[in-house]
Amino acid sequence: MLDMNRGGYLITNERMETNIPGVYAVGDVRDKFLKQVATAVGDGAVAGYGAEKHLSECEIFEQQIMNEGKPSLVYIYNAVDADSRELLSVFKEFEQSHSDIRVSCIDIYKSDGLAKRLGVSNGPCAVWIKDCKIQEKIDHEITKEQIESICK
């Protein structure tokens, strides 16, 4: 029988050894001062990261994507998809030839929060925004011509 305290927790030393050689106890079955601290710290780290990311995405969404009501073209792509990456150059060319339109490229593989706000679940997808409203989406084969035609 393993030694236990009155609460039914196993008694160990700092090496996690019980009173029986070769039998160890870890986690919340042990008699210890703090319980669930490691999981609470982990959960806190995840929540803290998520909150910071959310606030950052809110700022990007309002200032860059919605662009204060001015025209904005958003390309949502998946960096692990070769076809999706190839279209990046088309959007970069469009950006260079249309200085009056803000072009944003969002990698959905890294973060899908901004894409979700635009109602997009996968890429590639182009979203045309004007007056802080989505005017049109292209979520099938995207061509240079289609991009030009929706941004008028």
C-alpha atoms as a PDB file:
ATOM      1  CA  MET A   1       0.000   0.000   0.000  1.00  0.00           C
ATOM      2  CA  LEU A   2       1.274   3.466  -0.858  1.00  0.00           C
ATOM      3  CA  ASP A   3       1.519   6.070   1.868  1.00  0.00           C
ATOM      4  CA  MET A   4      -1.240   8.661   1.649  1.00  0.00           C
ATOM      5  CA  ASN A   5      -2.244  11.710   3.627  1.00  0.00           C
ATOM      6  CA  ARG A   6      -5.684  12.133   5.232  1.00  0.00           C
ATOM      7  CA  GLY A   7      -7.023  13.609   1.999  1.00  0.00           C
ATOM      8  CA  GLY A   8      -6.095  10.510   0.011  1.00  0.00           C
ATOM      9  CA  TYR A   9      -3.167  12.090  -1.831  1.00  0.00           C
ATOM     10  CA  LEU A  10       0.019  10.049  -2.321  1.00  0.00           C
ATOM     11  CA  ILE A  11       3.079  11.116  -0.353  1.00  0.00           C
ATOM     12  CA  THR A  12       6.262  11.492  -2.412  1.00  0.00           C
ATOM     13  CA  ASN A  13       9.646  13.111  -2.067  1.00  0.00           C
ATOM     14  CA  GLU A  14      11.010  15.764  -4.440  1.00  0.00           C
ATOM     15  CA  ARG A  15      12.038  13.001  -6.837  1.00  0.00           C
ATOM     16  CA  MET A  16       8.429  11.802  -7.063  1.00  0.00           C
ATOM     17  CA  GLU A  17       9.338   8.583  -5.251  1.00  0.00           C
ATOM     18  CA  THR A  18       6.717   6.878  -3.096  1.00  0.00           C
ATOM     19  CA  ASN A  19       7.405   4.680  -0.099  1.00  0.00           C
ATOM     20  CA  ILE A  20       7.685   1.677  -2.436  1.00  0.00           C
ATOM     21  CA  PRO A  21      10.924   1.563  -4.460  1.00  0.00           C
ATOM     22  CA  GLY A  22      10.325   1.849  -8.201  1.00  0.00           C
ATOM     23  CA  VAL A  23       6.835   3.299  -7.768  1.00  0.00           C
ATOM     24  CA  TYR A  24       6.504   6.968  -8.592  1.00  0.00           C
ATOM     25  CA  ALA A  25       3.597   9.395  -8.437  1.00  0.00           C
ATOM     26  CA  VAL A  26       3.144  12.600 -10.408  1.00  0.00           C
ATOM     27  CA  GLY A  27       0.514  15.246 -10.923  1.00  0.00           C
ATOM     28  CA  ASP A  28      -2.544  15.869  -8.843  1.00  0.00           C
ATOM     29  CA  VAL A  29      -2.511  12.439  -7.149  1.00  0.00           C
ATOM     30  CA  ARG A  30       0.432  13.716  -5.086  1.00  0.00           C
ATOM     31  CA  ASP A  31       0.289  15.606  -1.839  1.00  0.00           C
ATOM     32  CA  LYS A  32       1.624  18.974  -2.950  1.00  0.00           C
ATOM     33  CA  PHE A  33       1.158  22.633  -2.200  1.00  0.00           C
ATOM     34  CA  LEU A  34      -0.165  23.731  -5.619  1.00  0.00           C
ATOM     35  CA  LYS A  35      -2.424  21.781  -7.931  1.00  0.00           C
ATOM     36  CA  GLN A  36      -3.144  22.441 -11.605  1.00  0.00           C
ATOM     37  CA  VAL A  37      -0.655  25.308 -11.732  1.00  0.00           C
ATOM     38  CA  ALA A  38       1.075  23.996 -14.861  1.00  0.00           C
ATOM     39  CA  THR A  39      -2.176  23.614 -16.775  1.00  0.00           C
ATOM     40  CA  ALA A  40      -3.422  26.974 -15.552  1.00  0.00           C
ATOM     41  CA  VAL A  41      -0.193  28.623 -16.685  1.00  0.00           C
ATOM     42  CA  GLY A  42      -0.478  26.892 -20.059  1.00  0.00           C
ATOM     43  CA  ASP A  43      -4.103  27.954 -20.455  1.00  0.00           C
ATOM     44  CA  GLY A  44      -3.181  31.490 -19.432  1.00  0.00           C
ATOM     45  CA  ALA A  45      -0.412  31.606 -22.023  1.00  0.00           C
ATOM     46  CA  VAL A  46      -2.782  30.428 -24.762  1.00  0.00           C
ATOM     47  CA  ALA A  47      -5.475  32.923 -23.732  1.00  0.00           C
ATOM     48  CA  GLY A  48      -2.957  35.771 -23.513  1.00  0.00           C
ATOM     49  CA  TYR A  49      -1.628  35.013 -26.977  1.00  0.00           C
ATOM     50  CA  GLY A  50      -5.156  34.745 -28.368  1.00  0.00           C
ATOM     51  CA  ALA A  51      -6.217  38.061 -26.832  1.00  0.00           C
ATOM     52  CA  GLU A  52      -3.155  39.869 -28.200  1.00  0.00           C
ATOM     53  CA  LYS A  53      -3.722  38.361 -31.644  1.00  0.00           C
ATOM     54  CA  HIS A  54      -7.397  39.334 -31.602  1.00  0.00           C
ATOM     55  CA  LEU A  55      -6.609  42.944 -30.704  1.00  0.00           C
ATOM     56  CA  SER A  56      -3.941  43.112 -33.392  1.00  0.00           C
ATOM     57  CA  GLU A  57      -6.313  41.668 -36.001  1.00  0.00           C
ATOM     58  CA  CYS A  58      -9.016  44.170 -35.008  1.00  0.00           C
ATOM     59  CA  GLU A  59      -6.614  47.010 -35.668  1.00  0.00           C
ATOM     60  CA  ILE A  60      -5.443  45.547 -38.986  1.00  0.00           C
ATOM     61  CA  PHE A  61      -9.027  44.873 -40.056  1.00  0.00           C
ATOM     62  CA  GLU A  62     -10.215  48.412 -39.359  1.00  0.00           C
ATOM     63  CA  GLN A  63      -7.187  50.355 -40.575  1.00  0.00           C
ATOM     64  CA  GLN A  64      -5.844  48.232 -43.406  1.00  0.00           C
ATOM     65  CA  ILE A  65      -8.632  45.980 -44.693  1.00  0.00           C
ATOM     66  CA  MET A  66     -11.537  48.428 -44.338  1.00  0.00           C
ATOM     67  CA  ASN A  67      -9.121  51.253 -45.220  1.00  0.00           C
ATOM     68  CA  GLU A  68     -11.386  53.996 -43.804  1.00  0.00           C
ATOM     69  CA  GLY A  69     -13.910  53.400 -46.600  1.00  0.00           C
ATOM     70  CA  LYS A  70     -11.389  53.838 -49.385  1.00  0.00           C
ATOM     71  CA  PRO A  71     -11.001  51.052 -51.981  1.00  0.00           C
ATOM     72  CA  SER A  72      -9.261  47.932 -50.746  1.00  0.00           C
ATOM     73  CA  LEU A  73      -8.412  44.632 -52.419  1.00  0.00           C
ATOM     74  CA  VAL A  74      -7.672  41.676 -50.152  1.00  0.00           C
ATOM     75  CA  TYR A  75      -6.014  38.522 -51.385  1.00  0.00           C
ATOM     76  CA  ILE A  76      -6.465  35.561 -49.063  1.00  0.00           C
ATOM     77  CA  TYR A  77      -4.117  32.723 -49.854  1.00  0.00           C
ATOM     78  CA  ASN A  78      -2.636  29.593 -48.329  1.00  0.00           C
ATOM     79  CA  ALA A  79       1.154  29.636 -48.198  1.00  0.00           C
ATOM     80  CA  VAL A  80       1.380  25.843 -48.389  1.00  0.00           C
ATOM     81  CA  ASP A  81      -0.507  25.835 -51.713  1.00  0.00           C
ATOM     82  CA  ALA A  82       1.772  26.455 -54.709  1.00  0.00           C
ATOM     83  CA  ASP A  83      -1.005  27.832 -56.957  1.00  0.00           C
ATOM     84  CA  SER A  84      -2.066  30.194 -54.215  1.00  0.00           C
ATOM     85  CA  ARG A  85       1.510  31.465 -53.789  1.00  0.00           C
ATOM     86  CA  GLU A  86       1.923  32.005 -57.531  1.00  0.00           C
ATOM     87  CA  LEU A  87      -0.961  34.475 -57.544  1.00  0.00           C
ATOM     88  CA  LEU A  88       0.875  36.696 -55.061  1.00  0.00           C
ATOM     89  CA  SER A  89       2.855  38.228 -57.925  1.00  0.00           C
ATOM     90  CA  VAL A  90      -0.380  39.124 -59.750  1.00  0.00           C
ATOM     91  CA  PHE A  91      -1.597  41.038 -56.710  1.00  0.00           C
ATOM     92  CA  LYS A  92       1.779  42.728 -56.215  1.00  0.00           C
ATOM     93  CA  GLU A  93       1.695  43.891 -59.872  1.00  0.00           C
ATOM     94  CA  PHE A  94      -1.863  45.148 -59.395  1.00  0.00           C
ATOM     95  CA  GLU A  95      -0.776  47.071 -56.306  1.00  0.00           C
ATOM     96  CA  GLN A  96       2.074  48.760 -58.218  1.00  0.00           C
ATOM     97  CA  SER A  97      -0.194  49.861 -61.056  1.00  0.00           C
ATOM     98  CA  HIS A  98      -3.104  51.006 -58.832  1.00  0.00           C
ATOM     99  CA  SER A  99      -1.772  53.375 -56.192  1.00  0.00           C
ATOM    100  CA  ASP A 100      -5.306  54.479 -55.282  1.00  0.00           C
ATOM    101  CA  ILE A 101      -6.254  50.967 -54.078  1.00  0.00           C
ATOM    102  CA  ARG A 102      -4.808  49.382 -50.952  1.00  0.00           C
ATOM    103  CA  VAL A 103      -3.845  45.761 -51.551  1.00  0.00           C
ATOM    104  CA  SER A 104      -3.479  43.386 -48.605  1.00  0.00           C
ATOM    105  CA  CYS A 105      -2.299  39.796 -48.815  1.00  0.00           C
ATOM    106  CA  ILE A 106      -3.339  37.530 -45.959  1.00  0.00           C
ATOM    107  CA  ASP A 107      -1.891  34.070 -45.411  1.00  0.00           C
ATOM    108  CA  ILE A 108      -4.791  31.960 -44.121  1.00  0.00           C
ATOM    109  CA  TYR A 109      -2.351  29.199 -43.164  1.00  0.00           C
ATOM    110  CA  LYS A 110      -0.765  31.427 -40.510  1.00  0.00           C
ATOM    111  CA  SER A 111      -3.949  33.065 -39.313  1.00  0.00           C
ATOM    112  CA  ASP A 112      -7.544  32.679 -40.363  1.00  0.00           C
ATOM    113  CA  GLY A 113      -9.037  35.392 -38.137  1.00  0.00           C
ATOM    114  CA  LEU A 114      -9.052  38.157 -40.762  1.00  0.00           C
ATOM    115  CA  ALA A 115     -10.345  35.777 -43.422  1.00  0.00           C
ATOM    116  CA  LYS A 116     -13.217  34.706 -41.152  1.00  0.00           C
ATOM    117  CA  ARG A 117     -14.186  38.349 -40.643  1.00  0.00           C
ATOM    118  CA  LEU A 118     -14.486  38.596 -44.422  1.00  0.00           C
ATOM    119  CA  GLY A 119     -16.534  35.399 -44.628  1.00  0.00           C
ATOM    120  CA  VAL A 120     -13.739  33.439 -46.285  1.00  0.00           C
ATOM    121  CA  SER A 121     -12.855  29.943 -45.088  1.00  0.00           C
ATOM    122  CA  ASN A 122     -10.159  28.986 -47.593  1.00  0.00           C
ATOM    123  CA  GLY A 123      -8.002  30.440 -50.300  1.00  0.00           C
ATOM    124  CA  PRO A 124      -7.278  31.558 -52.808  1.00  0.00           C
ATOM    125  CA  CYS A 125      -9.888  34.271 -52.678  1.00  0.00           C
ATOM    126  CA  ALA A 126      -9.952  37.924 -53.680  1.00  0.00           C
ATOM    127  CA  VAL A 127     -12.231  40.344 -51.835  1.00  0.00           C
ATOM    128  CA  TRP A 128     -13.054  43.793 -53.194  1.00  0.00           C
ATOM    129  CA  ILE A 129     -14.039  46.300 -50.477  1.00  0.00           C
ATOM    130  CA  LYS A 130     -15.325  49.807 -50.988  1.00  0.00           C
ATOM    131  CA  ASP A 131     -17.135  52.137 -48.562  1.00  0.00           C
ATOM    132  CA  CYS A 132     -16.353  49.641 -45.760  1.00  0.00           C
ATOM    133  CA  LYS A 133     -18.480  46.982 -47.455  1.00  0.00           C
ATOM    134  CA  ILE A 134     -17.602  43.841 -49.337  1.00  0.00           C
ATOM    135  CA  GLN A 135     -18.532  44.537 -52.932  1.00  0.00           C
ATOM    136  CA  GLU A 136     -17.465  41.275 -54.529  1.00  0.00           C
ATOM    137  CA  LYS A 137     -15.521  38.057 -53.971  1.00  0.00           C
ATOM    138  CA  ILE A 138     -13.694  35.825 -56.391  1.00  0.00           C
ATOM    139  CA  ASP A 139     -13.163  32.422 -54.882  1.00  0.00           C
ATOM    140  CA  HIS A 140     -12.613  30.343 -57.958  1.00  0.00           C
ATOM    141  CA  GLU A 141      -9.802  30.563 -60.485  1.00  0.00           C
ATOM    142  CA  ILE A 142      -8.527  34.106 -60.116  1.00  0.00           C
ATOM    143  CA  THR A 143      -7.139  35.888 -63.156  1.00  0.00           C
ATOM    144  CA  LYS A 144      -5.599  39.305 -63.706  1.00  0.00           C
ATOM    145  CA  GLU A 145      -8.619  40.234 -65.822  1.00  0.00           C
ATOM    146  CA  GLN A 146     -11.089  39.290 -63.077  1.00  0.00           C
ATOM    147  CA  ILE A 147      -9.202  41.396 -60.572  1.00  0.00           C
ATOM    148  CA  GLU A 148      -9.264  44.392 -62.912  1.00  0.00           C
ATOM    149  CA  SER A 149     -12.982  43.968 -63.602  1.00  0.00           C
ATOM    150  CA  ILE A 150     -14.129  43.817 -59.952  1.00  0.00           C
ATOM    151  CA  CYS A 151     -12.039  46.824 -58.926  1.00  0.00           C
ATOM    152  CA  LYS A 152     -13.928  49.355 -61.020  1.00  0.00           C
END
